[in-house]
Amino acid sequence: MGGISIWQLLIIALIVVLLFGTKKLRSLGGDLGGAVKGFKNAMANEDDKKAIEEKEVAQTSQQAEEKKPESKDKEQA
């Protein structure tokens, strides 16, 4: 009753093709695909940046822990 059947979807698709033409729809699809690909690349870059920052923080904390005993040894001498 409230759902859209396959025939109604086909009629809507036919009307859209008649209104815009196949060339505009093809270019629109290509633009949409490029936008999705760009979004995925940006998200991947953000994840890579976060991973690199986390590694740097871990390395600096390890280096700080290694330096603490050395400074105590120098103070005792």
C-alpha atoms as a PDB file:
ATOM      1  CA  MET A   1       0.000   0.000   0.000  1.00  0.00           C
ATOM      2  CA  GLY A   2       2.583   2.567   1.083  1.00  0.00           C
ATOM      3  CA  GLY A   3       5.617   1.148  -0.703  1.00  0.00           C
ATOM      4  CA  ILE A   4       6.945   1.944  -4.148  1.00  0.00           C
ATOM      5  CA  SER A   5       6.808  -0.957  -6.603  1.00  0.00           C
ATOM      6  CA  ILE A   6       9.425  -1.751  -9.243  1.00  0.00           C
ATOM      7  CA  TRP A   7       7.148  -0.432 -11.982  1.00  0.00           C
ATOM      8  CA  GLN A   8       6.814   2.939 -10.308  1.00  0.00           C
ATOM      9  CA  LEU A   9      10.615   3.150  -9.980  1.00  0.00           C
ATOM     10  CA  LEU A  10      11.054   2.303 -13.668  1.00  0.00           C
ATOM     11  CA  ILE A  11       8.576   5.012 -14.692  1.00  0.00           C
ATOM     12  CA  ILE A  12      10.396   7.562 -12.509  1.00  0.00           C
ATOM     13  CA  ALA A  13      13.745   6.512 -14.020  1.00  0.00           C
ATOM     14  CA  LEU A  14      12.341   6.868 -17.546  1.00  0.00           C
ATOM     15  CA  ILE A  15      11.042  10.369 -16.788  1.00  0.00           C
ATOM     16  CA  VAL A  16      14.410  11.407 -15.333  1.00  0.00           C
ATOM     17  CA  VAL A  17      16.244  10.125 -18.428  1.00  0.00           C
ATOM     18  CA  LEU A  18      13.830  11.977 -20.706  1.00  0.00           C
ATOM     19  CA  LEU A  19      14.200  15.221 -18.737  1.00  0.00           C
ATOM     20  CA  PHE A  20      17.976  15.309 -18.349  1.00  0.00           C
ATOM     21  CA  GLY A  21      19.284  13.117 -21.137  1.00  0.00           C
ATOM     22  CA  THR A  22      21.895  10.410 -20.919  1.00  0.00           C
ATOM     23  CA  LYS A  23      24.922  12.718 -21.350  1.00  0.00           C
ATOM     24  CA  LYS A  24      24.032  14.862 -18.336  1.00  0.00           C
ATOM     25  CA  LEU A  25      23.250  11.802 -16.234  1.00  0.00           C
ATOM     26  CA  ARG A  26      26.556  10.172 -17.237  1.00  0.00           C
ATOM     27  CA  SER A  27      28.540  13.295 -16.347  1.00  0.00           C
ATOM     28  CA  LEU A  28      26.599  13.629 -13.112  1.00  0.00           C
ATOM     29  CA  GLY A  29      27.448  10.024 -12.240  1.00  0.00           C
ATOM     30  CA  GLY A  30      31.126  10.641 -12.995  1.00  0.00           C
ATOM     31  CA  ASP A  31      31.160  13.765 -10.842  1.00  0.00           C
ATOM     32  CA  LEU A  32      29.458  11.940  -7.996  1.00  0.00           C
ATOM     33  CA  GLY A  33      31.939   9.061  -8.253  1.00  0.00           C
ATOM     34  CA  GLY A  34      34.867  11.495  -8.189  1.00  0.00           C
ATOM     35  CA  ALA A  35      33.454  13.209  -5.127  1.00  0.00           C
ATOM     36  CA  VAL A  36      33.063   9.890  -3.294  1.00  0.00           C
ATOM     37  CA  LYS A  37      36.622   8.880  -4.220  1.00  0.00           C
ATOM     38  CA  GLY A  38      37.953  12.224  -2.982  1.00  0.00           C
ATOM     39  CA  PHE A  39      36.053  11.844   0.276  1.00  0.00           C
ATOM     40  CA  LYS A  40      37.465   8.352   0.833  1.00  0.00           C
ATOM     41  CA  ASN A  41      41.001   9.593   0.150  1.00  0.00           C
ATOM     42  CA  ALA A  42      40.556  12.458   2.595  1.00  0.00           C
ATOM     43  CA  MET A  43      39.274  10.092   5.283  1.00  0.00           C
ATOM     44  CA  ALA A  44      42.196   7.722   4.684  1.00  0.00           C
ATOM     45  CA  ASN A  45      44.638  10.627   4.951  1.00  0.00           C
ATOM     46  CA  GLU A  46      43.100  11.700   8.268  1.00  0.00           C
ATOM     47  CA  ASP A  47      43.425   8.164   9.632  1.00  0.00           C
ATOM     48  CA  ASP A  48      47.058   8.028   8.500  1.00  0.00           C
ATOM     49  CA  LYS A  49      47.798  11.377  10.154  1.00  0.00           C
ATOM     50  CA  LYS A  50      46.262  10.219  13.430  1.00  0.00           C
ATOM     51  CA  ALA A  51      48.264   6.988  13.349  1.00  0.00           C
ATOM     52  CA  ILE A  52      51.499   8.908  12.716  1.00  0.00           C
ATOM     53  CA  GLU A  53      50.744  11.348  15.544  1.00  0.00           C
ATOM     54  CA  GLU A  54      50.036   8.478  17.939  1.00  0.00           C
ATOM     55  CA  LYS A  55      53.354   6.829  17.021  1.00  0.00           C
ATOM     56  CA  GLU A  56      55.217  10.098  17.579  1.00  0.00           C
ATOM     57  CA  VAL A  57      53.604  10.565  20.994  1.00  0.00           C
ATOM     58  CA  ALA A  58      54.503   7.007  21.961  1.00  0.00           C
ATOM     59  CA  GLN A  59      58.109   7.509  20.832  1.00  0.00           C
ATOM     60  CA  THR A  60      58.510  10.778  22.710  1.00  0.00           C
ATOM     61  CA  SER A  61      57.085   9.258  25.877  1.00  0.00           C
ATOM     62  CA  GLN A  62      59.474   6.316  25.568  1.00  0.00           C
ATOM     63  CA  GLN A  63      62.411   8.660  25.043  1.00  0.00           C
ATOM     64  CA  ALA A  64      61.375  10.711  28.074  1.00  0.00           C
ATOM     65  CA  GLU A  65      61.234   7.568  30.219  1.00  0.00           C
ATOM     66  CA  GLU A  66      64.695   6.528  29.030  1.00  0.00           C
ATOM     67  CA  LYS A  67      66.175   9.929  29.871  1.00  0.00           C
ATOM     68  CA  LYS A  68      64.804  10.040  33.434  1.00  0.00           C
ATOM     69  CA  PRO A  69      67.133   7.372  34.897  1.00  0.00           C
ATOM     70  CA  GLU A  70      70.146   8.990  33.197  1.00  0.00           C
ATOM     71  CA  SER A  71      69.393  12.367  34.752  1.00  0.00           C
ATOM     72  CA  LYS A  72      69.125  10.768  38.220  1.00  0.00           C
ATOM     73  CA  ASP A  73      72.497   9.097  37.718  1.00  0.00           C
ATOM     74  CA  LYS A  74      74.058  12.441  36.829  1.00  0.00           C
ATOM     75  CA  GLU A  75      72.543  14.088  39.903  1.00  0.00           C
ATOM     76  CA  GLN A  76      73.971  11.373  42.162  1.00  0.00           C
ATOM     77  CA  ALA A  77      77.478  11.731  40.729  1.00  0.00           C
END
